[in-house]
Amino acid sequence: MSNQRVIVYVDGFNLYYGMREQFGRALMWLDLHALGRRLLKSGQQLEAVKYCTARIASPPDKVRRQGLYLDALATLPHLQILYGKYQKKTVSASSKLVSATIHTAEEKMTDVQIASQMLLDAFTNRLDVALLVSNDSDLVPPIRIIRDHCPQVRVVCIFPRSRATSALKDVAHGYRHVDRSVLAQCQLPQTVTSPTGYEIVRPPEWT
């Protein structure tokens, strides 16, 4: 089938931690639109990239790097950023010897955002192929729904970690891993200029 419409759905935190685990910080300045194009096969066209994430609240250096990256992504064509929440969380633990309260945070809504967008696009006939960049097994149910009710749509998982999630492998039409060489060829320029002329410079920690 020629001219297959492809939409890429990116689990932002899953991709970030998967890349950091394998490659460190060197490839974080990733051009997601370029990556989407590189993932296409012959006869396919990229309709959109949907990047699902949440703005972190701390520490300041990570907030700064994420803000720069999100600003750079916002300049890319056909790329939509969908935000969830970064929610504070308190965990208490105790034993006979010690007790502790840990204040942490976790992202919320990313998997729901991805699932909602995939189902919406499948049921409104906006795509022929969904490329899901995630290792999150919580996304198994929407893939099953698409397979059952939209058999014309293929879902292919792109795993950002070296190990693949078996539950996603079993339900998807296909899967592949993200290769380091591909990521290296899909980096944003050192300096990205916004439509208003604002220059967004790659964080030095990501060089």
N, C-alpha and C. Protein backbone atom coordinates (compact mmCIF):
# COMPACT_ATOMS: atom_id res chain seq x y z
N MET A 1 0.85 -1.19 0.00
CA MET A 1 0.00 0.00 0.00
C MET A 1 0.88 1.24 0.00
N SER A 2 0.67 2.13 -0.95
CA SER A 2 1.47 3.34 -1.04
C SER A 2 0.77 4.50 -0.34
N ASN A 3 1.55 5.55 -0.06
CA ASN A 3 1.03 6.75 0.59
C ASN A 3 0.34 6.46 1.92
N GLN A 4 0.92 5.56 2.68
CA GLN A 4 0.38 5.28 4.01
C GLN A 4 0.64 6.48 4.93
N ARG A 5 -0.39 6.90 5.64
CA ARG A 5 -0.28 8.02 6.57
C ARG A 5 0.24 7.51 7.91
N VAL A 6 1.30 8.14 8.40
CA VAL A 6 1.94 7.70 9.64
C VAL A 6 1.92 8.82 10.66
N ILE A 7 1.53 8.49 11.88
CA ILE A 7 1.64 9.41 13.01
C ILE A 7 2.52 8.75 14.06
N VAL A 8 3.46 9.54 14.60
CA VAL A 8 4.38 9.06 15.62
C VAL A 8 3.92 9.58 16.98
N TYR A 9 3.81 8.70 17.94
CA TYR A 9 3.40 9.05 19.30
C TYR A 9 4.60 8.80 20.22
N VAL A 10 5.07 9.84 20.89
CA VAL A 10 6.29 9.73 21.68
C VAL A 10 5.97 9.89 23.16
N ASP A 11 6.34 8.90 23.93
CA ASP A 11 6.27 8.96 25.39
C ASP A 11 7.54 9.65 25.87
N GLY A 12 7.43 10.94 26.18
CA GLY A 12 8.60 11.77 26.42
C GLY A 12 9.52 11.26 27.51
N PHE A 13 8.98 10.95 28.68
CA PHE A 13 9.81 10.49 29.78
C PHE A 13 10.40 9.11 29.50
N ASN A 14 9.62 8.26 28.87
CA ASN A 14 10.10 6.92 28.55
C ASN A 14 11.27 7.01 27.57
N LEU A 15 11.16 7.87 26.59
CA LEU A 15 12.25 8.06 25.63
C LEU A 15 13.47 8.64 26.32
N TYR A 16 13.27 9.65 27.16
CA TYR A 16 14.38 10.31 27.85
C TYR A 16 15.19 9.32 28.68
N TYR A 17 14.49 8.56 29.53
CA TYR A 17 15.21 7.63 30.42
C TYR A 17 15.79 6.45 29.65
N GLY A 18 15.12 6.04 28.58
CA GLY A 18 15.67 4.97 27.77
C GLY A 18 16.96 5.39 27.08
N MET A 19 16.99 6.63 26.55
CA MET A 19 18.20 7.13 25.91
C MET A 19 19.31 7.34 26.92
N ARG A 20 18.95 7.90 28.08
CA ARG A 20 19.97 8.17 29.10
C ARG A 20 20.60 6.87 29.61
N GLU A 21 19.76 5.85 29.74
CA GLU A 21 20.25 4.55 30.21
C GLU A 21 21.27 3.95 29.26
N GLN A 22 21.04 4.11 27.96
CA GLN A 22 21.92 3.48 26.97
C GLN A 22 23.07 4.36 26.51
N PHE A 23 22.79 5.67 26.35
CA PHE A 23 23.75 6.54 25.68
C PHE A 23 24.20 7.74 26.50
N GLY A 24 23.73 7.88 27.73
CA GLY A 24 24.05 9.08 28.48
C GLY A 24 23.28 10.27 27.96
N ARG A 25 23.90 11.46 28.04
CA ARG A 25 23.20 12.69 27.64
C ARG A 25 23.54 13.18 26.23
N ALA A 26 24.46 12.50 25.56
CA ALA A 26 25.02 13.05 24.34
C ALA A 26 24.00 13.22 23.20
N LEU A 27 22.91 12.45 23.22
CA LEU A 27 21.97 12.48 22.09
C LEU A 27 20.61 13.07 22.47
N MET A 28 20.55 13.79 23.60
CA MET A 28 19.27 14.29 24.11
C MET A 28 18.66 15.40 23.25
N TRP A 29 19.50 16.10 22.47
CA TRP A 29 19.01 17.24 21.66
C TRP A 29 18.39 16.69 20.37
N LEU A 30 17.37 15.87 20.56
CA LEU A 30 16.85 15.04 19.48
C LEU A 30 15.76 15.75 18.68
N ASP A 31 15.91 15.74 17.37
CA ASP A 31 14.92 16.28 16.46
C ASP A 31 13.87 15.19 16.20
N LEU A 32 12.73 15.30 16.85
CA LEU A 32 11.72 14.24 16.78
C LEU A 32 11.05 14.17 15.41
N HIS A 33 10.98 15.28 14.70
CA HIS A 33 10.42 15.24 13.36
C HIS A 33 11.36 14.50 12.41
N ALA A 34 12.67 14.78 12.55
CA ALA A 34 13.65 14.05 11.74
C ALA A 34 13.64 12.57 12.08
N LEU A 35 13.51 12.25 13.37
CA LEU A 35 13.43 10.85 13.77
C LEU A 35 12.21 10.18 13.15
N GLY A 36 11.07 10.87 13.17
CA GLY A 36 9.86 10.32 12.57
C GLY A 36 10.06 10.00 11.10
N ARG A 37 10.72 10.89 10.38
CA ARG A 37 10.98 10.66 8.96
C ARG A 37 11.90 9.47 8.75
N ARG A 38 12.91 9.32 9.62
CA ARG A 38 13.84 8.21 9.49
C ARG A 38 13.18 6.86 9.77
N LEU A 39 12.11 6.87 10.53
CA LEU A 39 11.42 5.62 10.86
C LEU A 39 10.46 5.17 9.76
N LEU A 40 10.23 6.03 8.77
CA LEU A 40 9.29 5.68 7.70
C LEU A 40 9.87 4.62 6.78
N LYS A 41 8.97 3.84 6.20
CA LYS A 41 9.33 2.89 5.17
C LYS A 41 8.90 3.45 3.81
N SER A 42 9.31 2.80 2.76
CA SER A 42 8.94 3.24 1.42
C SER A 42 7.42 3.25 1.27
N GLY A 43 6.90 4.32 0.67
CA GLY A 43 5.45 4.42 0.48
C GLY A 43 4.71 5.02 1.65
N GLN A 44 5.44 5.49 2.66
CA GLN A 44 4.80 6.10 3.83
C GLN A 44 5.11 7.59 3.89
N GLN A 45 4.19 8.34 4.48
CA GLN A 45 4.39 9.77 4.66
C GLN A 45 4.06 10.16 6.10
N LEU A 46 4.86 11.06 6.65
CA LEU A 46 4.70 11.47 8.03
C LEU A 46 3.64 12.56 8.14
N GLU A 47 2.56 12.26 8.84
CA GLU A 47 1.48 13.23 9.03
C GLU A 47 1.71 14.13 10.25
N ALA A 48 2.22 13.54 11.34
CA ALA A 48 2.39 14.32 12.56
C ALA A 48 3.26 13.55 13.54
N VAL A 49 3.84 14.30 14.47
CA VAL A 49 4.52 13.73 15.63
C VAL A 49 3.85 14.30 16.86
N LYS A 50 3.40 13.44 17.76
CA LYS A 50 2.73 13.88 18.97
C LYS A 50 3.60 13.49 20.17
N TYR A 51 4.14 14.52 20.83
CA TYR A 51 5.09 14.33 21.92
C TYR A 51 4.37 14.58 23.23
N CYS A 52 4.27 13.54 24.05
CA CYS A 52 3.54 13.62 25.31
C CYS A 52 4.51 13.66 26.47
N THR A 53 4.39 14.69 27.31
CA THR A 53 5.34 14.88 28.40
C THR A 53 4.67 15.69 29.50
N ALA A 54 5.46 16.10 30.48
CA ALA A 54 4.99 16.98 31.54
C ALA A 54 6.16 17.87 31.94
N ARG A 55 5.89 19.10 32.30
CA ARG A 55 6.95 20.01 32.74
C ARG A 55 7.34 19.67 34.17
N ILE A 56 8.64 19.43 34.39
CA ILE A 56 9.11 19.10 35.72
C ILE A 56 9.20 20.38 36.56
N ALA A 57 9.27 20.22 37.87
CA ALA A 57 9.29 21.36 38.78
C ALA A 57 10.64 21.60 39.43
N SER A 58 11.52 20.60 39.42
CA SER A 58 12.83 20.72 40.05
C SER A 58 13.69 19.54 39.57
N PRO A 59 15.01 19.66 39.78
CA PRO A 59 15.80 20.81 40.24
C PRO A 59 15.96 21.85 39.13
N PRO A 60 16.44 23.06 39.47
CA PRO A 60 16.47 24.15 38.50
C PRO A 60 17.25 23.85 37.23
N ASP A 61 18.37 23.12 37.32
CA ASP A 61 19.16 22.85 36.12
C ASP A 61 18.41 21.95 35.15
N LYS A 62 17.67 20.98 35.68
CA LYS A 62 16.88 20.10 34.81
C LYS A 62 15.68 20.85 34.23
N VAL A 63 15.09 21.72 35.02
CA VAL A 63 13.97 22.55 34.52
C VAL A 63 14.45 23.40 33.35
N ARG A 64 15.66 23.98 33.50
CA ARG A 64 16.21 24.82 32.43
C ARG A 64 16.43 24.00 31.16
N ARG A 65 17.04 22.84 31.28
CA ARG A 65 17.32 22.02 30.09
C ARG A 65 16.03 21.58 29.41
N GLN A 66 15.06 21.15 30.22
CA GLN A 66 13.80 20.72 29.62
C GLN A 66 13.11 21.88 28.91
N GLY A 67 13.14 23.07 29.54
CA GLY A 67 12.50 24.24 28.92
C GLY A 67 13.13 24.58 27.58
N LEU A 68 14.46 24.52 27.50
CA LEU A 68 15.13 24.80 26.24
C LEU A 68 14.73 23.77 25.18
N TYR A 69 14.68 22.52 25.58
CA TYR A 69 14.33 21.47 24.62
C TYR A 69 12.90 21.63 24.12
N LEU A 70 11.97 21.90 25.02
CA LEU A 70 10.58 22.07 24.61
C LEU A 70 10.43 23.28 23.69
N ASP A 71 11.17 24.35 23.98
CA ASP A 71 11.13 25.53 23.09
C ASP A 71 11.67 25.17 21.71
N ALA A 72 12.72 24.36 21.67
CA ALA A 72 13.29 23.96 20.38
C ALA A 72 12.32 23.07 19.62
N LEU A 73 11.69 22.12 20.31
CA LEU A 73 10.73 21.24 19.65
C LEU A 73 9.55 22.02 19.08
N ALA A 74 9.16 23.08 19.77
CA ALA A 74 8.01 23.87 19.33
C ALA A 74 8.23 24.55 17.98
N THR A 75 9.47 24.60 17.52
CA THR A 75 9.76 25.21 16.22
C THR A 75 9.63 24.21 15.07
N LEU A 76 9.48 22.92 15.39
CA LEU A 76 9.46 21.90 14.35
C LEU A 76 8.10 21.81 13.66
N PRO A 77 8.08 21.48 12.37
CA PRO A 77 6.81 21.36 11.65
C PRO A 77 6.07 20.09 12.03
N HIS A 78 4.75 20.18 12.05
CA HIS A 78 3.88 19.01 12.25
C HIS A 78 4.17 18.29 13.56
N LEU A 79 4.65 19.03 14.58
CA LEU A 79 4.90 18.43 15.88
C LEU A 79 4.02 19.10 16.92
N GLN A 80 3.31 18.26 17.66
CA GLN A 80 2.39 18.74 18.69
C GLN A 80 2.89 18.26 20.05
N ILE A 81 2.98 19.17 21.02
CA ILE A 81 3.37 18.81 22.37
C ILE A 81 2.11 18.76 23.24
N LEU A 82 1.90 17.61 23.86
CA LEU A 82 0.72 17.40 24.71
C LEU A 82 1.21 17.22 26.15
N TYR A 83 0.72 18.06 27.04
CA TYR A 83 1.24 18.08 28.40
C TYR A 83 0.35 17.34 29.39
N GLY A 84 1.00 16.57 30.26
CA GLY A 84 0.35 16.00 31.41
C GLY A 84 0.74 16.82 32.63
N LYS A 85 0.84 16.16 33.78
CA LYS A 85 1.19 16.85 35.01
C LYS A 85 2.38 16.18 35.67
N TYR A 86 3.16 16.98 36.37
CA TYR A 86 4.25 16.47 37.18
C TYR A 86 3.82 16.68 38.63
N GLN A 87 3.45 15.61 39.29
CA GLN A 87 2.76 15.69 40.58
C GLN A 87 3.67 15.31 41.73
N LYS A 88 3.65 16.13 42.80
CA LYS A 88 4.44 15.83 43.98
C LYS A 88 3.87 14.61 44.69
N LYS A 89 4.77 13.84 45.29
CA LYS A 89 4.37 12.60 45.93
C LYS A 89 5.19 12.39 47.20
N THR A 90 4.53 11.98 48.28
CA THR A 90 5.21 11.72 49.54
C THR A 90 5.12 10.23 49.85
N VAL A 91 6.28 9.62 50.10
CA VAL A 91 6.34 8.19 50.40
C VAL A 91 6.92 8.01 51.79
N SER A 92 6.24 7.27 52.63
CA SER A 92 6.71 7.00 53.99
C SER A 92 7.10 5.53 54.12
N ALA A 93 8.19 5.29 54.83
CA ALA A 93 8.65 3.92 55.07
C ALA A 93 9.17 3.84 56.49
N SER A 94 8.95 2.71 57.14
CA SER A 94 9.42 2.57 58.51
C SER A 94 9.75 1.11 58.80
N SER A 95 10.62 0.94 59.76
CA SER A 95 10.99 -0.38 60.24
C SER A 95 11.27 -0.26 61.74
N LYS A 96 11.75 -1.32 62.36
CA LYS A 96 12.05 -1.27 63.78
C LYS A 96 13.23 -0.33 64.07
N LEU A 97 14.08 -0.14 63.06
CA LEU A 97 15.29 0.65 63.27
C LEU A 97 15.18 2.10 62.79
N VAL A 98 14.41 2.32 61.77
CA VAL A 98 14.39 3.65 61.18
C VAL A 98 13.07 3.92 60.48
N SER A 99 12.72 5.19 60.39
CA SER A 99 11.55 5.60 59.61
C SER A 99 11.95 6.81 58.78
N ALA A 100 11.35 6.93 57.63
CA ALA A 100 11.73 8.03 56.73
C ALA A 100 10.55 8.44 55.89
N THR A 101 10.54 9.74 55.54
CA THR A 101 9.55 10.28 54.61
C THR A 101 10.31 10.88 53.44
N ILE A 102 9.98 10.41 52.26
CA ILE A 102 10.67 10.87 51.06
C ILE A 102 9.70 11.67 50.20
N HIS A 103 10.14 12.87 49.82
CA HIS A 103 9.34 13.72 48.94
C HIS A 103 9.87 13.59 47.52
N THR A 104 9.03 13.17 46.63
CA THR A 104 9.44 12.95 45.25
C THR A 104 8.33 13.45 44.32
N ALA A 105 8.44 13.15 43.06
CA ALA A 105 7.41 13.57 42.09
C ALA A 105 7.33 12.53 40.99
N GLU A 106 6.19 12.48 40.32
CA GLU A 106 6.02 11.56 39.22
C GLU A 106 5.13 12.20 38.16
N GLU A 107 5.37 11.81 36.93
CA GLU A 107 4.55 12.36 35.86
C GLU A 107 3.23 11.61 35.79
N LYS A 108 2.19 12.35 35.45
CA LYS A 108 0.85 11.77 35.36
C LYS A 108 0.25 12.13 34.01
N MET A 109 -0.58 11.26 33.50
CA MET A 109 -1.41 11.49 32.31
C MET A 109 -0.73 11.21 30.98
N THR A 110 0.58 10.95 30.96
CA THR A 110 1.23 10.74 29.67
C THR A 110 0.64 9.55 28.93
N ASP A 111 0.49 8.42 29.61
CA ASP A 111 -0.04 7.24 28.93
C ASP A 111 -1.49 7.45 28.50
N VAL A 112 -2.25 8.21 29.30
CA VAL A 112 -3.63 8.52 28.94
C VAL A 112 -3.67 9.42 27.70
N GLN A 113 -2.78 10.40 27.66
CA GLN A 113 -2.70 11.28 26.49
C GLN A 113 -2.40 10.48 25.24
N ILE A 114 -1.41 9.60 25.32
CA ILE A 114 -1.04 8.80 24.15
C ILE A 114 -2.18 7.90 23.72
N ALA A 115 -2.78 7.21 24.68
CA ALA A 115 -3.89 6.30 24.37
C ALA A 115 -5.04 7.06 23.72
N SER A 116 -5.39 8.22 24.28
CA SER A 116 -6.50 9.01 23.74
C SER A 116 -6.22 9.46 22.32
N GLN A 117 -5.00 9.94 22.07
CA GLN A 117 -4.66 10.42 20.74
C GLN A 117 -4.64 9.29 19.72
N MET A 118 -4.08 8.15 20.09
CA MET A 118 -4.05 7.01 19.18
C MET A 118 -5.46 6.55 18.81
N LEU A 119 -6.32 6.44 19.82
CA LEU A 119 -7.69 5.99 19.56
C LEU A 119 -8.45 7.02 18.73
N LEU A 120 -8.30 8.30 19.07
CA LEU A 120 -8.98 9.35 18.30
C LEU A 120 -8.55 9.31 16.83
N ASP A 121 -7.26 9.23 16.59
CA ASP A 121 -6.76 9.24 15.21
C ASP A 121 -7.17 7.98 14.45
N ALA A 122 -7.20 6.85 15.15
CA ALA A 122 -7.60 5.60 14.48
C ALA A 122 -9.08 5.62 14.14
N PHE A 123 -9.92 6.04 15.07
CA PHE A 123 -11.36 6.00 14.85
C PHE A 123 -11.85 7.11 13.92
N THR A 124 -11.06 8.16 13.72
CA THR A 124 -11.46 9.22 12.79
C THR A 124 -10.69 9.12 11.47
N ASN A 125 -10.03 7.98 11.24
CA ASN A 125 -9.37 7.69 9.97
C ASN A 125 -8.32 8.75 9.60
N ARG A 126 -7.47 9.08 10.55
CA ARG A 126 -6.41 10.06 10.30
C ARG A 126 -5.06 9.40 10.01
N LEU A 127 -5.00 8.08 10.09
CA LEU A 127 -3.72 7.42 9.88
C LEU A 127 -3.91 5.99 9.40
N ASP A 128 -2.83 5.47 8.86
CA ASP A 128 -2.78 4.05 8.48
C ASP A 128 -1.80 3.28 9.37
N VAL A 129 -0.78 3.99 9.86
CA VAL A 129 0.23 3.36 10.72
C VAL A 129 0.50 4.27 11.92
N ALA A 130 0.48 3.68 13.10
CA ALA A 130 0.86 4.38 14.32
C ALA A 130 2.21 3.85 14.78
N LEU A 131 3.17 4.75 14.95
CA LEU A 131 4.47 4.38 15.50
C LEU A 131 4.51 4.85 16.95
N LEU A 132 4.57 3.92 17.87
CA LEU A 132 4.52 4.22 19.29
C LEU A 132 5.91 4.11 19.90
N VAL A 133 6.47 5.25 20.32
CA VAL A 133 7.80 5.26 20.92
C VAL A 133 7.64 5.17 22.44
N SER A 134 7.68 3.96 22.96
CA SER A 134 7.47 3.75 24.39
C SER A 134 7.73 2.29 24.74
N ASN A 135 8.08 2.08 26.01
CA ASN A 135 8.18 0.73 26.57
C ASN A 135 7.07 0.46 27.57
N ASP A 136 6.12 1.37 27.69
CA ASP A 136 5.13 1.32 28.76
C ASP A 136 4.02 0.31 28.44
N SER A 137 3.94 -0.75 29.24
CA SER A 137 2.93 -1.79 29.01
C SER A 137 1.51 -1.31 29.30
N ASP A 138 1.35 -0.14 29.94
CA ASP A 138 0.02 0.43 30.15
C ASP A 138 -0.65 0.77 28.83
N LEU A 139 0.11 0.80 27.75
CA LEU A 139 -0.45 1.15 26.44
C LEU A 139 -0.92 -0.08 25.66
N VAL A 140 -0.90 -1.23 26.29
CA VAL A 140 -1.42 -2.44 25.64
C VAL A 140 -2.92 -2.32 25.33
N PRO A 141 -3.78 -1.85 26.27
CA PRO A 141 -5.23 -1.80 25.99
C PRO A 141 -5.60 -0.99 24.75
N PRO A 142 -5.08 0.25 24.56
CA PRO A 142 -5.48 0.97 23.34
C PRO A 142 -5.04 0.28 22.06
N ILE A 143 -3.89 -0.41 22.10
CA ILE A 143 -3.46 -1.14 20.91
C ILE A 143 -4.42 -2.27 20.61
N ARG A 144 -4.86 -2.97 21.64
CA ARG A 144 -5.84 -4.05 21.45
C ARG A 144 -7.14 -3.51 20.87
N ILE A 145 -7.59 -2.37 21.36
CA ILE A 145 -8.83 -1.77 20.85
C ILE A 145 -8.68 -1.43 19.37
N ILE A 146 -7.55 -0.85 19.01
CA ILE A 146 -7.32 -0.52 17.60
C ILE A 146 -7.30 -1.78 16.75
N ARG A 147 -6.66 -2.83 17.22
CA ARG A 147 -6.61 -4.06 16.46
C ARG A 147 -8.01 -4.67 16.28
N ASP A 148 -8.84 -4.56 17.31
CA ASP A 148 -10.18 -5.16 17.26
C ASP A 148 -11.16 -4.34 16.43
N HIS A 149 -11.04 -3.02 16.49
CA HIS A 149 -12.07 -2.16 15.88
C HIS A 149 -11.59 -1.37 14.67
N CYS A 150 -10.30 -1.27 14.47
CA CYS A 150 -9.76 -0.56 13.30
C CYS A 150 -8.69 -1.45 12.65
N PRO A 151 -9.10 -2.57 12.09
CA PRO A 151 -8.13 -3.54 11.56
C PRO A 151 -7.28 -3.00 10.41
N GLN A 152 -7.69 -1.88 9.83
CA GLN A 152 -6.91 -1.30 8.74
C GLN A 152 -5.69 -0.53 9.26
N VAL A 153 -5.63 -0.29 10.57
CA VAL A 153 -4.54 0.48 11.17
C VAL A 153 -3.51 -0.47 11.77
N ARG A 154 -2.24 -0.24 11.44
CA ARG A 154 -1.15 -1.02 12.03
C ARG A 154 -0.48 -0.20 13.14
N VAL A 155 -0.13 -0.87 14.22
CA VAL A 155 0.58 -0.22 15.33
C VAL A 155 1.95 -0.90 15.46
N VAL A 156 3.00 -0.10 15.35
CA VAL A 156 4.37 -0.60 15.46
C VAL A 156 5.03 0.09 16.64
N CYS A 157 5.60 -0.69 17.54
CA CYS A 157 6.27 -0.14 18.72
C CYS A 157 7.74 0.13 18.43
N ILE A 158 8.20 1.29 18.83
CA ILE A 158 9.60 1.67 18.72
C ILE A 158 10.15 1.73 20.14
N PHE A 159 11.01 0.80 20.51
CA PHE A 159 11.47 0.69 21.88
C PHE A 159 12.70 1.57 22.12
N PRO A 160 12.60 2.53 23.06
CA PRO A 160 13.75 3.39 23.35
C PRO A 160 14.76 2.78 24.30
N ARG A 161 14.49 1.60 24.83
CA ARG A 161 15.43 0.91 25.70
C ARG A 161 15.97 -0.33 24.99
N SER A 162 17.09 -0.82 25.46
CA SER A 162 17.69 -1.99 24.83
C SER A 162 16.81 -3.23 24.98
N ARG A 163 16.08 -3.29 26.09
CA ARG A 163 15.18 -4.42 26.29
C ARG A 163 13.76 -4.02 25.86
N ALA A 164 13.06 -4.96 25.27
CA ALA A 164 11.70 -4.71 24.79
C ALA A 164 10.69 -5.22 25.80
N THR A 165 9.56 -4.56 25.85
CA THR A 165 8.47 -4.97 26.73
C THR A 165 7.67 -6.07 26.04
N SER A 166 7.67 -7.26 26.63
CA SER A 166 7.05 -8.41 25.97
C SER A 166 5.56 -8.20 25.73
N ALA A 167 4.87 -7.53 26.65
CA ALA A 167 3.42 -7.32 26.49
C ALA A 167 3.13 -6.47 25.26
N LEU A 168 3.97 -5.47 25.00
CA LEU A 168 3.79 -4.64 23.80
C LEU A 168 4.18 -5.41 22.55
N LYS A 169 5.25 -6.19 22.62
CA LYS A 169 5.66 -7.00 21.47
C LYS A 169 4.55 -7.95 21.05
N ASP A 170 3.86 -8.52 22.03
CA ASP A 170 2.83 -9.51 21.73
C ASP A 170 1.59 -8.91 21.08
N VAL A 171 1.28 -7.66 21.40
CA VAL A 171 0.02 -7.08 20.92
C VAL A 171 0.21 -6.22 19.66
N ALA A 172 1.39 -5.67 19.47
CA ALA A 172 1.63 -4.79 18.32
C ALA A 172 1.78 -5.58 17.03
N HIS A 173 1.62 -4.90 15.90
CA HIS A 173 1.81 -5.54 14.60
C HIS A 173 3.29 -5.76 14.31
N GLY A 174 4.15 -4.97 14.95
CA GLY A 174 5.58 -5.09 14.75
C GLY A 174 6.31 -4.24 15.76
N TYR A 175 7.64 -4.37 15.80
CA TYR A 175 8.42 -3.56 16.73
C TYR A 175 9.84 -3.45 16.23
N ARG A 176 10.55 -2.45 16.74
CA ARG A 176 11.97 -2.29 16.45
C ARG A 176 12.59 -1.45 17.56
N HIS A 177 13.91 -1.45 17.63
CA HIS A 177 14.63 -0.64 18.61
C HIS A 177 15.18 0.61 17.92
N VAL A 178 15.42 1.64 18.74
CA VAL A 178 16.02 2.86 18.21
C VAL A 178 17.54 2.68 18.20
N ASP A 179 18.13 2.81 17.05
CA ASP A 179 19.57 2.61 16.91
C ASP A 179 20.32 3.91 17.21
N ARG A 180 21.46 3.78 17.86
CA ARG A 180 22.26 4.95 18.22
C ARG A 180 22.63 5.79 16.99
N SER A 181 22.98 5.12 15.90
CA SER A 181 23.40 5.85 14.70
C SER A 181 22.26 6.70 14.15
N VAL A 182 21.03 6.18 14.25
CA VAL A 182 19.87 6.95 13.79
C VAL A 182 19.66 8.17 14.67
N LEU A 183 19.75 7.99 15.98
CA LEU A 183 19.60 9.11 16.90
C LEU A 183 20.67 10.17 16.64
N ALA A 184 21.88 9.74 16.38
CA ALA A 184 22.98 10.67 16.13
C ALA A 184 22.74 11.51 14.88
N GLN A 185 22.06 10.93 13.91
CA GLN A 185 21.79 11.64 12.66
C GLN A 185 20.53 12.51 12.74
N CYS A 186 19.84 12.45 13.86
CA CYS A 186 18.58 13.19 14.01
C CYS A 186 18.67 14.22 15.14
N GLN A 187 19.81 14.89 15.23
CA GLN A 187 20.00 15.92 16.25
C GLN A 187 19.61 17.30 15.71
N LEU A 188 19.07 18.11 16.60
CA LEU A 188 18.76 19.50 16.25
C LEU A 188 20.06 20.27 16.03
N PRO A 189 20.00 21.39 15.31
CA PRO A 189 21.20 22.23 15.20
C PRO A 189 21.64 22.73 16.57
N GLN A 190 22.90 23.08 16.70
CA GLN A 190 23.42 23.59 17.96
C GLN A 190 22.59 24.77 18.46
N THR A 191 22.18 25.63 17.54
CA THR A 191 21.33 26.78 17.88
C THR A 191 20.08 26.72 17.02
N VAL A 192 18.94 26.75 17.66
CA VAL A 192 17.64 26.75 16.98
C VAL A 192 17.03 28.13 17.12
N THR A 193 16.54 28.69 16.03
CA THR A 193 15.95 30.03 16.07
C THR A 193 14.44 29.93 16.00
N SER A 194 13.76 30.54 16.96
CA SER A 194 12.30 30.53 16.98
C SER A 194 11.76 31.48 15.93
N PRO A 195 10.45 31.39 15.59
CA PRO A 195 9.86 32.30 14.60
C PRO A 195 9.99 33.77 14.99
N THR A 196 10.14 34.06 16.29
CA THR A 196 10.27 35.45 16.73
C THR A 196 11.73 35.92 16.77
N GLY A 197 12.66 35.02 16.39
CA GLY A 197 14.06 35.39 16.37
C GLY A 197 14.84 35.02 17.62
N TYR A 198 14.18 34.40 18.58
CA TYR A 198 14.84 33.98 19.82
C TYR A 198 15.74 32.78 19.55
N GLU A 199 16.99 32.84 19.99
CA GLU A 199 17.94 31.76 19.76
C GLU A 199 17.94 30.79 20.94
N ILE A 200 17.72 29.53 20.64
CA ILE A 200 17.66 28.46 21.65
C ILE A 200 18.92 27.60 21.47
N VAL A 201 19.79 27.62 22.47
CA VAL A 201 21.10 26.97 22.35
C VAL A 201 21.08 25.64 23.10
N ARG A 202 21.64 24.65 22.47
CA ARG A 202 21.74 23.32 23.08
C ARG A 202 22.45 23.40 24.44
N PRO A 203 21.88 22.79 25.48
CA PRO A 203 22.54 22.82 26.80
C PRO A 203 23.92 22.18 26.72
N PRO A 204 24.93 22.81 27.35
CA PRO A 204 26.29 22.25 27.29
C PRO A 204 26.37 20.84 27.87
N GLU A 205 25.48 20.51 28.82
CA GLU A 205 25.49 19.18 29.40
C GLU A 205 25.09 18.11 28.39
N TRP A 206 24.48 18.51 27.28
CA TRP A 206 24.00 17.55 26.28
C TRP A 206 24.91 17.47 25.06
N THR A 207 26.11 17.98 25.18
CA THR A 207 27.03 17.89 24.05
C THR A 207 27.87 16.64 24.17
